Amino acid sequence: MKFIKKIFKREEGATAIEYGLIAALVAVAAMVGMNALGTSLNNQFNTVSKKLNVT
């Protein structure tokens, strides 16, 4: 019984899980941001390309 109580008192595992969740959220936010930036850059390059091909 003491062993089970000792396991539930430990917080190292919870801290590792929290850091994992934070890392996952940062990764998702980075992917969303890079996707939006990529789309915006693609639109800009297409606009410039169309203007250069007009002549």
PDB file of N, CA and C in Angstrom:
ATOM      1  N   MET A   1       0.827  -1.204   0.000  1.00  0.00           N
ATOM      2  CA  MET A   1       0.000   0.000   0.000  1.00  0.00           C
ATOM      3  C   MET A   1       0.868   1.263   0.000  1.00  0.00           C
ATOM      4  N   LYS A   2       1.967   1.234   0.759  1.00  0.00           N
ATOM      5  CA  LYS A   2       2.855   2.395   0.795  1.00  0.00           C
ATOM      6  C   LYS A   2       3.463   2.659  -0.584  1.00  0.00           C
ATOM      7  N   PHE A   3       3.760   1.564  -1.292  1.00  0.00           N
ATOM      8  CA  PHE A   3       4.355   1.699  -2.623  1.00  0.00           C
ATOM      9  C   PHE A   3       3.402   2.434  -3.559  1.00  0.00           C
ATOM     10  N   ILE A   4       2.126   2.103  -3.529  1.00  0.00           N
ATOM     11  CA  ILE A   4       1.129   2.746  -4.400  1.00  0.00           C
ATOM     12  C   ILE A   4       0.983   4.220  -4.046  1.00  0.00           C
ATOM     13  N   LYS A   5       0.956   4.528  -2.758  1.00  0.00           N
ATOM     14  CA  LYS A   5       0.866   5.933  -2.342  1.00  0.00           C
ATOM     15  C   LYS A   5       2.092   6.710  -2.793  1.00  0.00           C
ATOM     16  N   LYS A   6       3.259   6.057  -2.728  1.00  0.00           N
ATOM     17  CA  LYS A   6       4.498   6.710  -3.130  1.00  0.00           C
ATOM     18  C   LYS A   6       4.478   7.025  -4.631  1.00  0.00           C
ATOM     19  N   ILE A   7       3.934   6.120  -5.415  1.00  0.00           N
ATOM     20  CA  ILE A   7       3.849   6.331  -6.861  1.00  0.00           C
ATOM     21  C   ILE A   7       2.971   7.540  -7.172  1.00  0.00           C
ATOM     22  N   PHE A   8       1.831   7.650  -6.496  1.00  0.00           N
ATOM     23  CA  PHE A   8       0.919   8.762  -6.777  1.00  0.00           C
ATOM     24  C   PHE A   8       1.435  10.089  -6.250  1.00  0.00           C
ATOM     25  N   LYS A   9       2.368  10.074  -5.303  1.00  0.00           N
ATOM     26  CA  LYS A   9       2.928  11.318  -4.775  1.00  0.00           C
ATOM     27  C   LYS A   9       3.992  11.894  -5.703  1.00  0.00           C
ATOM     28  N   ARG A  10       4.636  11.040  -6.482  1.00  0.00           N
ATOM     29  CA  ARG A  10       5.698  11.518  -7.366  1.00  0.00           C
ATOM     30  C   ARG A  10       5.125  12.465  -8.412  1.00  0.00           C
ATOM     31  N   GLU A  11       5.895  13.499  -8.704  1.00  0.00           N
ATOM     32  CA  GLU A  11       5.444  14.483  -9.685  1.00  0.00           C
ATOM     33  C   GLU A  11       6.359  14.568 -10.893  1.00  0.00           C
ATOM     34  N   GLU A  12       7.429  13.777 -10.920  1.00  0.00           N
ATOM     35  CA  GLU A  12       8.346  13.842 -12.051  1.00  0.00           C
ATOM     36  C   GLU A  12       7.654  13.449 -13.347  1.00  0.00           C
ATOM     37  N   GLY A  13       6.846  12.418 -13.305  1.00  0.00           N
ATOM     38  CA  GLY A  13       6.141  11.965 -14.501  1.00  0.00           C
ATOM     39  C   GLY A  13       5.162  13.007 -15.008  1.00  0.00           C
ATOM     40  N   ALA A  14       4.458  13.652 -14.085  1.00  0.00           N
ATOM     41  CA  ALA A  14       3.500  14.693 -14.481  1.00  0.00           C
ATOM     42  C   ALA A  14       4.225  15.868 -15.135  1.00  0.00           C
ATOM     43  N   THR A  15       5.388  16.214 -14.606  1.00  0.00           N
ATOM     44  CA  THR A  15       6.151  17.319 -15.173  1.00  0.00           C
ATOM     45  C   THR A  15       6.608  16.967 -16.592  1.00  0.00           C
ATOM     46  N   ALA A  16       7.048  15.743 -16.784  1.00  0.00           N
ATOM     47  CA  ALA A  16       7.488  15.331 -18.114  1.00  0.00           C
ATOM     48  C   ALA A  16       6.327  15.360 -19.102  1.00  0.00           C
ATOM     49  N   ILE A  17       5.163  14.938 -18.667  1.00  0.00           N
ATOM     50  CA  ILE A  17       3.983  14.977 -19.528  1.00  0.00           C
ATOM     51  C   ILE A  17       3.618  16.415 -19.867  1.00  0.00           C
ATOM     52  N   GLU A  18       3.704  17.296 -18.890  1.00  0.00           N
ATOM     53  CA  GLU A  18       3.393  18.709 -19.140  1.00  0.00           C
ATOM     54  C   GLU A  18       4.355  19.303 -20.165  1.00  0.00           C
ATOM     55  N   TYR A  19       5.652  19.002 -20.025  1.00  0.00           N
ATOM     56  CA  TYR A  19       6.625  19.504 -20.990  1.00  0.00           C
ATOM     57  C   TYR A  19       6.350  18.929 -22.376  1.00  0.00           C
ATOM     58  N   GLY A  20       5.947  17.680 -22.431  1.00  0.00           N
ATOM     59  CA  GLY A  20       5.604  17.074 -23.707  1.00  0.00           C
ATOM     60  C   GLY A  20       4.424  17.758 -24.362  1.00  0.00           C
ATOM     61  N   LEU A  21       3.410  18.077 -23.567  1.00  0.00           N
ATOM     62  CA  LEU A  21       2.236  18.771 -24.101  1.00  0.00           C
ATOM     63  C   LEU A  21       2.597  20.174 -24.586  1.00  0.00           C
ATOM     64  N   ILE A  22       3.432  20.863 -23.833  1.00  0.00           N
ATOM     65  CA  ILE A  22       3.864  22.207 -24.246  1.00  0.00           C
ATOM     66  C   ILE A  22       4.634  22.119 -25.562  1.00  0.00           C
ATOM     67  N   ALA A  23       5.534  21.140 -25.665  1.00  0.00           N
ATOM     68  CA  ALA A  23       6.310  20.980 -26.902  1.00  0.00           C
ATOM     69  C   ALA A  23       5.390  20.672 -28.080  1.00  0.00           C
ATOM     70  N   ALA A  24       4.366  19.857 -27.847  1.00  0.00           N
ATOM     71  CA  ALA A  24       3.423  19.527 -28.925  1.00  0.00           C
ATOM     72  C   ALA A  24       2.642  20.770 -29.353  1.00  0.00           C
ATOM     73  N   LEU A  25       2.214  21.581 -28.403  1.00  0.00           N
ATOM     74  CA  LEU A  25       1.476  22.801 -28.741  1.00  0.00           C
ATOM     75  C   LEU A  25       2.358  23.789 -29.505  1.00  0.00           C
ATOM     76  N   VAL A  26       3.609  23.905 -29.101  1.00  0.00           N
ATOM     77  CA  VAL A  26       4.535  24.793 -29.810  1.00  0.00           C
ATOM     78  C   VAL A  26       4.746  24.293 -31.238  1.00  0.00           C
ATOM     79  N   ALA A  27       4.872  22.980 -31.399  1.00  0.00           N
ATOM     80  CA  ALA A  27       5.067  22.407 -32.736  1.00  0.00           C
ATOM     81  C   ALA A  27       3.855  22.669 -33.622  1.00  0.00           C
ATOM     82  N   VAL A  28       2.656  22.497 -33.081  1.00  0.00           N
ATOM     83  CA  VAL A  28       1.441  22.747 -33.863  1.00  0.00           C
ATOM     84  C   VAL A  28       1.349  24.221 -34.240  1.00  0.00           C
ATOM     85  N   ALA A  29       1.644  25.102 -33.292  1.00  0.00           N
ATOM     86  CA  ALA A  29       1.591  26.536 -33.580  1.00  0.00           C
ATOM     87  C   ALA A  29       2.619  26.911 -34.653  1.00  0.00           C
ATOM     88  N   ALA A  30       3.803  26.311 -34.587  1.00  0.00           N
ATOM     89  CA  ALA A  30       4.840  26.591 -35.596  1.00  0.00           C
ATOM     90  C   ALA A  30       4.394  26.110 -36.969  1.00  0.00           C
ATOM     91  N   MET A  31       3.785  24.932 -37.032  1.00  0.00           N
ATOM     92  CA  MET A  31       3.329  24.420 -38.332  1.00  0.00           C
ATOM     93  C   MET A  31       2.242  25.307 -38.920  1.00  0.00           C
ATOM     94  N   VAL A  32       1.312  25.756 -38.100  1.00  0.00           N
ATOM     95  CA  VAL A  32       0.240  26.634 -38.587  1.00  0.00           C
ATOM     96  C   VAL A  32       0.827  27.949 -39.078  1.00  0.00           C
ATOM     97  N   GLY A  33       1.753  28.506 -38.310  1.00  0.00           N
ATOM     98  CA  GLY A  33       2.377  29.770 -38.708  1.00  0.00           C
ATOM     99  C   GLY A  33       3.175  29.651 -39.985  1.00  0.00           C
ATOM    100  N   MET A  34       3.944  28.570 -40.114  1.00  0.00           N
ATOM    101  CA  MET A  34       4.739  28.375 -41.327  1.00  0.00           C
ATOM    102  C   MET A  34       3.856  28.122 -42.538  1.00  0.00           C
ATOM    103  N   ASN A  35       2.752  27.432 -42.334  1.00  0.00           N
ATOM    104  CA  ASN A  35       1.822  27.190 -43.440  1.00  0.00           C
ATOM    105  C   ASN A  35       1.223  28.506 -43.926  1.00  0.00           C
ATOM    106  N   ALA A  36       0.821  29.356 -43.000  1.00  0.00           N
ATOM    107  CA  ALA A  36       0.244  30.649 -43.378  1.00  0.00           C
ATOM    108  C   ALA A  36       1.293  31.516 -44.070  1.00  0.00           C
ATOM    109  N   LEU A  37       2.511  31.503 -43.556  1.00  0.00           N
ATOM    110  CA  LEU A  37       3.585  32.290 -44.159  1.00  0.00           C
ATOM    111  C   LEU A  37       3.908  31.771 -45.556  1.00  0.00           C
ATOM    112  N   GLY A  38       3.934  30.449 -45.702  1.00  0.00           N
ATOM    113  CA  GLY A  38       4.212  29.861 -47.012  1.00  0.00           C
ATOM    114  C   GLY A  38       3.165  30.228 -48.040  1.00  0.00           C
ATOM    115  N   THR A  39       1.908  30.205 -47.639  1.00  0.00           N
ATOM    116  CA  THR A  39       0.816  30.572 -48.547  1.00  0.00           C
ATOM    117  C   THR A  39       0.941  32.035 -48.960  1.00  0.00           C
ATOM    118  N   SER A  40       1.242  32.880 -48.002  1.00  0.00           N
ATOM    119  CA  SER A  40       1.387  34.302 -48.290  1.00  0.00           C
ATOM    120  C   SER A  40       2.555  34.554 -49.240  1.00  0.00           C
ATOM    121  N   LEU A  41       3.678  33.890 -48.993  1.00  0.00           N
ATOM    122  CA  LEU A  41       4.835  34.067 -49.874  1.00  0.00           C
ATOM    123  C   LEU A  41       4.541  33.538 -51.273  1.00  0.00           C
ATOM    124  N   ASN A  42       3.852  32.429 -51.355  1.00  0.00           N
ATOM    125  CA  ASN A  42       3.496  31.871 -52.658  1.00  0.00           C
ATOM    126  C   ASN A  42       2.636  32.859 -53.441  1.00  0.00           C
ATOM    127  N   ASN A  43       1.676  33.474 -52.789  1.00  0.00           N
ATOM    128  CA  ASN A  43       0.823  34.462 -53.456  1.00  0.00           C
ATOM    129  C   ASN A  43       1.645  35.656 -53.936  1.00  0.00           C
ATOM    130  N   GLN A  44       2.585  36.110 -53.100  1.00  0.00           N
ATOM    131  CA  GLN A  44       3.422  37.243 -53.483  1.00  0.00           C
ATOM    132  C   GLN A  44       4.279  36.910 -54.703  1.00  0.00           C
ATOM    133  N   PHE A  45       4.897  35.731 -54.696  1.00  0.00           N
ATOM    134  CA  PHE A  45       5.733  35.341 -55.826  1.00  0.00           C
ATOM    135  C   PHE A  45       4.906  35.174 -57.097  1.00  0.00           C
ATOM    136  N   ASN A  46       3.708  34.652 -56.984  1.00  0.00           N
ATOM    137  CA  ASN A  46       2.844  34.522 -58.154  1.00  0.00           C
ATOM    138  C   ASN A  46       2.470  35.888 -58.718  1.00  0.00           C
ATOM    139  N   THR A  47       2.190  36.836 -57.845  1.00  0.00           N
ATOM    140  CA  THR A  47       1.846  38.193 -58.280  1.00  0.00           C
ATOM    141  C   THR A  47       3.015  38.826 -59.024  1.00  0.00           C
ATOM    142  N   VAL A  48       4.204  38.699 -58.465  1.00  0.00           N
ATOM    143  CA  VAL A  48       5.396  39.262 -59.105  1.00  0.00           C
ATOM    144  C   VAL A  48       5.646  38.573 -60.434  1.00  0.00           C
ATOM    145  N   SER A  49       5.494  37.262 -60.482  1.00  0.00           N
ATOM    146  CA  SER A  49       5.713  36.511 -61.714  1.00  0.00           C
ATOM    147  C   SER A  49       4.750  36.941 -62.804  1.00  0.00           C
ATOM    148  N   LYS A  50       3.479  37.144 -62.459  1.00  0.00           N
ATOM    149  CA  LYS A  50       2.494  37.585 -63.447  1.00  0.00           C
ATOM    150  C   LYS A  50       2.827  38.971 -63.977  1.00  0.00           C
ATOM    151  N   LYS A  51       3.292  39.870 -63.112  1.00  0.00           N
ATOM    152  CA  LYS A  51       3.638  41.218 -63.542  1.00  0.00           C
ATOM    153  C   LYS A  51       4.868  41.221 -64.437  1.00  0.00           C
ATOM    154  N   LEU A  52       5.808  40.307 -64.184  1.00  0.00           N
ATOM    155  CA  LEU A  52       6.994  40.231 -65.021  1.00  0.00           C
ATOM    156  C   LEU A  52       6.697  39.639 -66.391  1.00  0.00           C
ATOM    157  N   ASN A  53       5.701  38.751 -66.478  1.00  0.00           N
ATOM    158  CA  ASN A  53       5.370  38.106 -67.739  1.00  0.00           C
ATOM    159  C   ASN A  53       4.465  38.950 -68.642  1.00  0.00           C
ATOM    160  N   VAL A  54       3.980  40.077 -68.157  1.00  0.00           N
ATOM    161  CA  VAL A  54       3.079  40.924 -68.928  1.00  0.00           C
ATOM    162  C   VAL A  54       3.796  41.547 -70.115  1.00  0.00           C
ATOM    163  N   THR A  55       5.062  41.877 -69.965  1.00  0.00           N
ATOM    164  CA  THR A  55       5.782  42.587 -71.021  1.00  0.00           C
ATOM    165  C   THR A  55       6.085  41.786 -72.211  1.00  0.00           C
TER     166      THR A  55
END
